Amino acid sequence: MLDVVRRTAEQVFMPLTVGGGIRTIEDIRALLNAGSDKVSINSAACKDPRFVAEAARRFGSQCIVVNIDPKRVRASQEPGVRSQVPEGNPVVLSPQPPAPLWEVHINGGRVPTGLEAVSWAKKVEELGAGEIVLTSMDCDGTKDGTIWRSPAR
């Protein structure tokens, strides 16, 4: 893979980000030395969040991209907002579908992690990730576009 990165870096004149199978600080060092401008990590970050912090400390946040692959797994609340009117009768003020809960997955979307996507994004930013790539695994490869307007809160 390093040879492919070297040959690609010699030919492209735009920032080059490489991901897949990055598990150690030495993996990152080798990719950056081969010509990658940034590395993208997912599984290793989920398994050990300290890896993000250590990578950012050693190489700078500008080099560290965390890829987040969420799938919609369930609704996080009951539909509708309930309120009390003066007579004490509960009414539904604005019936809306339940808000989705997005669970981060690893290994190409095959393995759930138990991490909630928005909270995880905030955490990796705090740990030093310079960029976050958000890929909806529900739509990955479908050519149907995204299924959310914005998961950010």
N, C-alpha and C. Protein backbone atom coordinates (compact mmCIF):
# COMPACT_ATOMS: atom_id res chain seq x y z
N MET A 1 0.82 -1.20 0.00
CA MET A 1 0.00 0.00 0.00
C MET A 1 0.86 1.26 0.00
N LEU A 2 1.98 1.23 0.68
CA LEU A 2 2.83 2.41 0.74
C LEU A 2 3.34 2.81 -0.64
N ASP A 3 3.61 1.82 -1.48
CA ASP A 3 4.06 2.12 -2.84
C ASP A 3 2.96 2.84 -3.63
N VAL A 4 1.72 2.40 -3.46
CA VAL A 4 0.59 3.06 -4.13
C VAL A 4 0.46 4.49 -3.63
N VAL A 5 0.62 4.71 -2.35
CA VAL A 5 0.54 6.06 -1.78
C VAL A 5 1.66 6.92 -2.36
N ARG A 6 2.88 6.40 -2.40
CA ARG A 6 4.01 7.16 -2.96
C ARG A 6 3.75 7.56 -4.41
N ARG A 7 3.34 6.59 -5.23
CA ARG A 7 3.11 6.87 -6.65
C ARG A 7 1.94 7.84 -6.84
N THR A 8 0.91 7.72 -6.02
CA THR A 8 -0.24 8.64 -6.11
C THR A 8 0.18 10.05 -5.71
N ALA A 9 0.92 10.17 -4.61
CA ALA A 9 1.35 11.48 -4.11
C ALA A 9 2.23 12.20 -5.13
N GLU A 10 2.96 11.46 -5.93
CA GLU A 10 3.80 12.07 -6.97
C GLU A 10 2.97 12.65 -8.11
N GLN A 11 1.76 12.15 -8.30
CA GLN A 11 0.94 12.53 -9.45
C GLN A 11 -0.19 13.50 -9.14
N VAL A 12 -0.66 13.53 -7.91
CA VAL A 12 -1.80 14.40 -7.59
C VAL A 12 -1.31 15.66 -6.88
N PHE A 13 -2.02 16.74 -7.13
CA PHE A 13 -1.63 18.01 -6.54
C PHE A 13 -2.82 18.58 -5.77
N MET A 14 -3.29 17.76 -4.85
CA MET A 14 -4.37 18.11 -3.94
C MET A 14 -4.10 17.33 -2.65
N PRO A 15 -4.72 17.70 -1.55
CA PRO A 15 -4.50 16.96 -0.31
C PRO A 15 -4.89 15.48 -0.48
N LEU A 16 -4.01 14.60 -0.06
CA LEU A 16 -4.22 13.16 -0.18
C LEU A 16 -4.47 12.57 1.20
N THR A 17 -5.65 11.97 1.37
CA THR A 17 -6.01 11.31 2.62
C THR A 17 -6.09 9.82 2.36
N VAL A 18 -5.45 9.04 3.24
CA VAL A 18 -5.43 7.59 3.09
C VAL A 18 -6.03 6.96 4.34
N GLY A 19 -6.88 5.96 4.15
CA GLY A 19 -7.48 5.25 5.27
C GLY A 19 -7.62 3.78 4.98
N GLY A 20 -7.92 3.05 6.01
CA GLY A 20 -8.12 1.61 5.89
C GLY A 20 -6.99 0.85 6.56
N GLY A 21 -7.30 0.15 7.62
CA GLY A 21 -6.31 -0.70 8.28
C GLY A 21 -5.28 0.03 9.11
N ILE A 22 -5.50 1.29 9.41
CA ILE A 22 -4.55 2.07 10.22
C ILE A 22 -4.81 1.76 11.68
N ARG A 23 -3.83 1.14 12.32
CA ARG A 23 -4.02 0.68 13.70
C ARG A 23 -3.00 1.23 14.69
N THR A 24 -1.88 1.74 14.18
CA THR A 24 -0.80 2.16 15.07
C THR A 24 -0.25 3.52 14.67
N ILE A 25 0.47 4.11 15.59
CA ILE A 25 1.17 5.36 15.31
C ILE A 25 2.17 5.14 14.19
N GLU A 26 2.82 4.00 14.18
CA GLU A 26 3.79 3.69 13.12
C GLU A 26 3.11 3.60 11.75
N ASP A 27 1.88 3.08 11.68
CA ASP A 27 1.13 3.06 10.42
C ASP A 27 0.94 4.49 9.91
N ILE A 28 0.57 5.38 10.80
CA ILE A 28 0.37 6.78 10.43
C ILE A 28 1.67 7.39 9.93
N ARG A 29 2.73 7.18 10.68
CA ARG A 29 4.04 7.74 10.31
C ARG A 29 4.44 7.25 8.91
N ALA A 30 4.29 5.97 8.65
CA ALA A 30 4.68 5.41 7.36
C ALA A 30 3.86 6.02 6.22
N LEU A 31 2.56 6.20 6.42
CA LEU A 31 1.71 6.78 5.38
C LEU A 31 2.05 8.25 5.12
N LEU A 32 2.30 9.00 6.18
CA LEU A 32 2.68 10.40 6.01
C LEU A 32 4.03 10.51 5.32
N ASN A 33 4.97 9.66 5.69
CA ASN A 33 6.29 9.66 5.04
C ASN A 33 6.20 9.24 3.58
N ALA A 34 5.20 8.45 3.24
CA ALA A 34 5.02 8.00 1.86
C ALA A 34 4.36 9.08 0.99
N GLY A 35 3.86 10.14 1.61
CA GLY A 35 3.28 11.23 0.83
C GLY A 35 1.84 11.57 1.13
N SER A 36 1.19 10.81 2.00
CA SER A 36 -0.17 11.16 2.39
C SER A 36 -0.13 12.44 3.22
N ASP A 37 -1.11 13.30 3.00
CA ASP A 37 -1.20 14.53 3.80
C ASP A 37 -1.97 14.29 5.09
N LYS A 38 -2.91 13.33 5.04
CA LYS A 38 -3.77 13.03 6.18
C LYS A 38 -4.03 11.53 6.20
N VAL A 39 -4.44 11.06 7.37
CA VAL A 39 -4.88 9.67 7.49
C VAL A 39 -6.29 9.66 8.06
N SER A 40 -7.07 8.68 7.63
CA SER A 40 -8.45 8.54 8.10
C SER A 40 -8.56 7.25 8.91
N ILE A 41 -9.03 7.39 10.14
CA ILE A 41 -9.17 6.22 11.01
C ILE A 41 -10.61 6.09 11.47
N ASN A 42 -11.03 4.86 11.72
CA ASN A 42 -12.38 4.60 12.21
C ASN A 42 -12.29 3.51 13.28
N SER A 43 -12.06 2.28 12.87
CA SER A 43 -12.10 1.14 13.80
C SER A 43 -11.13 1.33 14.96
N ALA A 44 -9.90 1.72 14.67
CA ALA A 44 -8.91 1.89 15.74
C ALA A 44 -9.32 2.98 16.71
N ALA A 45 -9.96 4.04 16.20
CA ALA A 45 -10.42 5.13 17.07
C ALA A 45 -11.53 4.65 17.99
N CYS A 46 -12.46 3.86 17.43
CA CYS A 46 -13.58 3.35 18.24
C CYS A 46 -13.09 2.38 19.31
N LYS A 47 -12.12 1.58 18.96
CA LYS A 47 -11.61 0.59 19.91
C LYS A 47 -10.75 1.22 21.00
N ASP A 48 -10.05 2.31 20.66
CA ASP A 48 -9.20 2.99 21.64
C ASP A 48 -9.18 4.49 21.33
N PRO A 49 -10.09 5.25 21.92
CA PRO A 49 -10.15 6.68 21.64
C PRO A 49 -8.85 7.43 21.93
N ARG A 50 -8.02 6.89 22.83
CA ARG A 50 -6.74 7.54 23.13
C ARG A 50 -5.84 7.57 21.89
N PHE A 51 -6.09 6.66 20.95
CA PHE A 51 -5.32 6.63 19.71
C PHE A 51 -5.48 7.94 18.94
N VAL A 52 -6.68 8.51 18.92
CA VAL A 52 -6.93 9.78 18.25
C VAL A 52 -6.10 10.88 18.91
N ALA A 53 -6.14 10.94 20.22
CA ALA A 53 -5.41 11.97 20.96
C ALA A 53 -3.90 11.83 20.74
N GLU A 54 -3.40 10.62 20.79
CA GLU A 54 -1.96 10.41 20.60
C GLU A 54 -1.54 10.77 19.18
N ALA A 55 -2.35 10.38 18.19
CA ALA A 55 -2.03 10.68 16.80
C ALA A 55 -2.03 12.20 16.57
N ALA A 56 -3.03 12.89 17.11
CA ALA A 56 -3.10 14.35 16.96
C ALA A 56 -1.93 15.02 17.66
N ARG A 57 -1.55 14.52 18.81
CA ARG A 57 -0.41 15.09 19.54
C ARG A 57 0.89 14.93 18.75
N ARG A 58 1.09 13.77 18.18
CA ARG A 58 2.34 13.49 17.47
C ARG A 58 2.43 14.14 16.10
N PHE A 59 1.32 14.16 15.36
CA PHE A 59 1.38 14.60 13.97
C PHE A 59 0.61 15.88 13.69
N GLY A 60 -0.19 16.33 14.64
CA GLY A 60 -1.02 17.53 14.46
C GLY A 60 -2.42 17.16 14.03
N SER A 61 -3.39 17.90 14.53
CA SER A 61 -4.79 17.64 14.21
C SER A 61 -5.07 17.72 12.72
N GLN A 62 -4.32 18.55 12.01
CA GLN A 62 -4.56 18.72 10.57
C GLN A 62 -4.33 17.43 9.80
N CYS A 63 -3.64 16.47 10.38
CA CYS A 63 -3.35 15.18 9.71
C CYS A 63 -4.34 14.08 10.08
N ILE A 64 -5.18 14.31 11.07
CA ILE A 64 -6.01 13.23 11.60
C ILE A 64 -7.47 13.43 11.25
N VAL A 65 -7.99 12.49 10.46
CA VAL A 65 -9.40 12.47 10.06
C VAL A 65 -10.03 11.25 10.72
N VAL A 66 -11.15 11.44 11.37
CA VAL A 66 -11.89 10.30 11.92
C VAL A 66 -13.12 10.09 11.05
N ASN A 67 -13.24 8.90 10.54
CA ASN A 67 -14.40 8.53 9.74
C ASN A 67 -15.43 7.92 10.68
N ILE A 68 -16.66 8.38 10.58
CA ILE A 68 -17.75 7.86 11.41
C ILE A 68 -18.80 7.26 10.49
N ASP A 69 -19.08 5.98 10.70
CA ASP A 69 -20.04 5.23 9.88
C ASP A 69 -21.26 4.86 10.70
N PRO A 70 -22.26 5.75 10.79
CA PRO A 70 -23.45 5.42 11.58
C PRO A 70 -24.55 4.75 10.76
N LYS A 71 -25.35 3.97 11.46
CA LYS A 71 -26.58 3.40 10.92
C LYS A 71 -27.71 3.84 11.84
N ARG A 72 -28.88 4.09 11.25
CA ARG A 72 -30.04 4.42 12.06
C ARG A 72 -30.50 3.12 12.72
N VAL A 73 -30.59 3.12 14.05
CA VAL A 73 -30.93 1.88 14.74
C VAL A 73 -32.28 1.91 15.44
N ARG A 74 -32.73 3.06 15.91
CA ARG A 74 -34.04 3.13 16.56
C ARG A 74 -34.37 4.58 16.84
N ALA A 75 -35.62 4.81 17.26
CA ALA A 75 -36.04 6.15 17.64
C ALA A 75 -35.57 6.43 19.06
N SER A 76 -35.21 7.67 19.30
CA SER A 76 -34.69 8.03 20.62
C SER A 76 -35.74 8.60 21.55
N GLN A 77 -36.96 8.84 21.05
CA GLN A 77 -38.01 9.41 21.91
C GLN A 77 -39.38 9.05 21.35
N GLU A 78 -40.38 9.21 22.16
CA GLU A 78 -41.75 8.95 21.71
C GLU A 78 -42.19 10.07 20.78
N PRO A 79 -43.03 9.77 19.79
CA PRO A 79 -43.49 10.84 18.89
C PRO A 79 -44.36 11.83 19.62
N GLY A 80 -44.29 13.06 19.16
CA GLY A 80 -45.15 14.11 19.71
C GLY A 80 -44.60 14.73 20.97
N VAL A 81 -44.97 15.95 21.19
CA VAL A 81 -44.57 16.67 22.39
C VAL A 81 -45.81 16.86 23.23
N ARG A 82 -45.80 16.36 24.47
CA ARG A 82 -46.98 16.45 25.33
C ARG A 82 -46.87 17.67 26.23
N SER A 83 -48.01 18.25 26.50
CA SER A 83 -48.05 19.43 27.35
C SER A 83 -49.36 19.42 28.14
N GLN A 84 -49.43 20.25 29.16
CA GLN A 84 -50.65 20.38 29.96
C GLN A 84 -51.35 21.69 29.59
N VAL A 85 -52.63 21.60 29.28
CA VAL A 85 -53.42 22.81 29.07
C VAL A 85 -53.95 23.25 30.43
N PRO A 86 -54.47 24.47 30.57
CA PRO A 86 -54.91 24.94 31.87
C PRO A 86 -55.86 23.99 32.59
N GLU A 87 -56.73 23.27 31.87
CA GLU A 87 -57.66 22.37 32.53
C GLU A 87 -56.98 21.08 33.01
N GLY A 88 -55.70 20.92 32.67
CA GLY A 88 -54.98 19.73 33.11
C GLY A 88 -55.06 18.57 32.14
N ASN A 89 -55.67 18.77 30.99
CA ASN A 89 -55.75 17.69 30.00
C ASN A 89 -54.50 17.68 29.14
N PRO A 90 -53.82 16.55 29.05
CA PRO A 90 -52.64 16.50 28.18
C PRO A 90 -53.05 16.53 26.72
N VAL A 91 -52.29 17.27 25.92
CA VAL A 91 -52.54 17.33 24.48
C VAL A 91 -51.21 17.18 23.74
N VAL A 92 -51.30 16.74 22.51
CA VAL A 92 -50.10 16.66 21.68
C VAL A 92 -49.99 17.97 20.92
N LEU A 93 -48.90 18.71 21.17
CA LEU A 93 -48.73 20.01 20.54
C LEU A 93 -48.22 19.88 19.10
N SER A 94 -47.23 19.05 18.89
CA SER A 94 -46.64 18.95 17.56
C SER A 94 -46.25 17.50 17.28
N PRO A 95 -47.18 16.74 16.75
CA PRO A 95 -46.83 15.35 16.48
C PRO A 95 -45.75 15.28 15.41
N GLN A 96 -44.66 14.63 15.75
CA GLN A 96 -43.54 14.46 14.83
C GLN A 96 -43.04 13.04 14.97
N PRO A 97 -42.44 12.51 13.93
CA PRO A 97 -41.86 11.18 14.07
C PRO A 97 -40.73 11.21 15.07
N PRO A 98 -40.45 10.07 15.68
CA PRO A 98 -39.37 10.03 16.66
C PRO A 98 -38.03 10.41 16.02
N ALA A 99 -37.19 11.04 16.82
CA ALA A 99 -35.85 11.37 16.35
C ALA A 99 -35.03 10.07 16.23
N PRO A 100 -34.26 9.93 15.17
CA PRO A 100 -33.49 8.70 15.00
C PRO A 100 -32.29 8.66 15.94
N LEU A 101 -31.87 7.47 16.25
CA LEU A 101 -30.63 7.26 17.00
C LEU A 101 -29.66 6.61 16.02
N TRP A 102 -28.49 7.18 15.92
CA TRP A 102 -27.48 6.72 14.97
C TRP A 102 -26.36 6.02 15.73
N GLU A 103 -26.16 4.74 15.46
CA GLU A 103 -25.10 3.99 16.11
C GLU A 103 -23.90 3.86 15.18
N VAL A 104 -22.72 4.17 15.70
CA VAL A 104 -21.49 4.05 14.94
C VAL A 104 -21.17 2.57 14.72
N HIS A 105 -20.76 2.27 13.48
CA HIS A 105 -20.34 0.92 13.12
C HIS A 105 -18.89 0.94 12.62
N ILE A 106 -18.23 -0.20 12.71
CA ILE A 106 -16.87 -0.33 12.21
C ILE A 106 -16.80 -1.51 11.25
N ASN A 107 -15.62 -1.76 10.73
CA ASN A 107 -15.41 -2.86 9.79
C ASN A 107 -16.37 -2.77 8.60
N GLY A 108 -16.37 -1.59 7.97
CA GLY A 108 -17.21 -1.39 6.79
C GLY A 108 -18.69 -1.44 7.07
N GLY A 109 -19.09 -1.06 8.28
CA GLY A 109 -20.51 -1.03 8.63
C GLY A 109 -21.07 -2.34 9.13
N ARG A 110 -20.20 -3.33 9.33
CA ARG A 110 -20.69 -4.66 9.73
C ARG A 110 -20.76 -4.86 11.24
N VAL A 111 -19.99 -4.08 12.01
CA VAL A 111 -19.90 -4.32 13.45
C VAL A 111 -20.38 -3.10 14.24
N PRO A 112 -21.47 -3.21 15.00
CA PRO A 112 -21.93 -2.09 15.82
C PRO A 112 -20.99 -1.87 17.01
N THR A 113 -20.88 -0.61 17.43
CA THR A 113 -19.96 -0.28 18.52
C THR A 113 -20.66 0.10 19.82
N GLY A 114 -21.94 0.46 19.73
CA GLY A 114 -22.63 0.97 20.91
C GLY A 114 -22.44 2.47 21.10
N LEU A 115 -21.66 3.11 20.23
CA LEU A 115 -21.43 4.55 20.32
C LEU A 115 -22.51 5.30 19.54
N GLU A 116 -23.03 6.38 20.13
CA GLU A 116 -24.00 7.23 19.45
C GLU A 116 -23.21 8.23 18.60
N ALA A 117 -23.60 8.39 17.34
CA ALA A 117 -22.78 9.11 16.36
C ALA A 117 -22.49 10.57 16.72
N VAL A 118 -23.48 11.33 17.13
CA VAL A 118 -23.25 12.75 17.41
C VAL A 118 -22.35 12.91 18.64
N SER A 119 -22.59 12.14 19.67
CA SER A 119 -21.74 12.19 20.86
C SER A 119 -20.31 11.78 20.52
N TRP A 120 -20.18 10.76 19.69
CA TRP A 120 -18.85 10.28 19.29
C TRP A 120 -18.13 11.35 18.47
N ALA A 121 -18.83 12.03 17.59
CA ALA A 121 -18.20 13.10 16.80
C ALA A 121 -17.68 14.21 17.71
N LYS A 122 -18.47 14.58 18.69
CA LYS A 122 -18.02 15.61 19.63
C LYS A 122 -16.80 15.14 20.41
N LYS A 123 -16.79 13.87 20.79
CA LYS A 123 -15.67 13.31 21.55
C LYS A 123 -14.38 13.31 20.73
N VAL A 124 -14.45 12.85 19.46
CA VAL A 124 -13.21 12.79 18.67
C VAL A 124 -12.70 14.20 18.34
N GLU A 125 -13.61 15.16 18.23
CA GLU A 125 -13.17 16.54 18.06
C GLU A 125 -12.39 16.99 19.30
N GLU A 126 -12.92 16.69 20.49
CA GLU A 126 -12.22 17.03 21.73
C GLU A 126 -10.87 16.34 21.82
N LEU A 127 -10.78 15.12 21.29
CA LEU A 127 -9.54 14.35 21.34
C LEU A 127 -8.49 14.85 20.35
N GLY A 128 -8.91 15.67 19.39
CA GLY A 128 -7.94 16.26 18.47
C GLY A 128 -8.13 15.95 17.00
N ALA A 129 -9.20 15.27 16.63
CA ALA A 129 -9.43 15.04 15.20
C ALA A 129 -9.58 16.38 14.49
N GLY A 130 -8.85 16.55 13.40
CA GLY A 130 -8.93 17.79 12.64
C GLY A 130 -10.10 17.81 11.68
N GLU A 131 -10.55 16.64 11.28
CA GLU A 131 -11.69 16.52 10.37
C GLU A 131 -12.49 15.29 10.76
N ILE A 132 -13.77 15.33 10.40
CA ILE A 132 -14.65 14.18 10.58
C ILE A 132 -15.34 13.93 9.26
N VAL A 133 -15.32 12.68 8.82
CA VAL A 133 -16.06 12.27 7.63
C VAL A 133 -17.22 11.42 8.11
N LEU A 134 -18.42 11.82 7.78
CA LEU A 134 -19.63 11.14 8.22
C LEU A 134 -20.24 10.41 7.04
N THR A 135 -20.34 9.09 7.13
CA THR A 135 -20.87 8.27 6.04
C THR A 135 -22.08 7.50 6.54
N SER A 136 -23.25 7.79 5.99
CA SER A 136 -24.45 7.05 6.37
C SER A 136 -24.37 5.64 5.80
N MET A 137 -24.22 4.66 6.66
CA MET A 137 -24.13 3.28 6.20
C MET A 137 -25.46 2.78 5.67
N ASP A 138 -26.56 3.46 6.01
CA ASP A 138 -27.87 3.09 5.48
C ASP A 138 -27.96 3.36 3.98
N CYS A 139 -27.18 4.33 3.51
CA CYS A 139 -27.25 4.71 2.09
C CYS A 139 -25.96 4.42 1.33
N ASP A 140 -24.93 3.95 2.01
CA ASP A 140 -23.64 3.73 1.38
C ASP A 140 -23.77 2.79 0.18
N GLY A 141 -23.33 3.27 -0.97
CA GLY A 141 -23.36 2.45 -2.17
C GLY A 141 -24.68 2.40 -2.91
N THR A 142 -25.68 3.13 -2.44
CA THR A 142 -27.01 3.04 -3.06
C THR A 142 -27.23 4.06 -4.17
N LYS A 143 -26.40 5.09 -4.23
CA LYS A 143 -26.57 6.21 -5.17
C LYS A 143 -27.87 6.96 -4.95
N ASP A 144 -28.44 6.85 -3.75
CA ASP A 144 -29.69 7.53 -3.42
C ASP A 144 -29.47 8.81 -2.62
N GLY A 145 -28.24 9.15 -2.34
CA GLY A 145 -27.96 10.34 -1.55
C GLY A 145 -28.07 10.03 -0.07
N THR A 146 -28.04 11.07 0.71
CA THR A 146 -28.06 10.92 2.16
C THR A 146 -29.48 10.80 2.67
N ILE A 147 -29.63 10.30 3.90
CA ILE A 147 -30.96 10.18 4.49
C ILE A 147 -31.21 11.20 5.59
N TRP A 148 -30.29 12.09 5.80
CA TRP A 148 -30.47 13.09 6.84
C TRP A 148 -30.20 14.48 6.29
N ARG A 149 -30.81 15.43 6.93
CA ARG A 149 -30.48 16.82 6.59
C ARG A 149 -29.18 17.18 7.29
N SER A 150 -29.13 16.94 8.58
CA SER A 150 -27.91 17.14 9.35
C SER A 150 -28.09 16.44 10.68
N PRO A 151 -27.18 15.52 11.02
CA PRO A 151 -27.30 14.86 12.31
C PRO A 151 -26.76 15.70 13.45
N ALA A 152 -26.06 16.79 13.14
CA ALA A 152 -25.45 17.60 14.17
C ALA A 152 -26.48 18.30 15.03
N ARG A 153 -26.14 18.42 16.29
CA ARG A 153 -27.03 19.12 17.22
C ARG A 153 -26.32 20.32 17.76
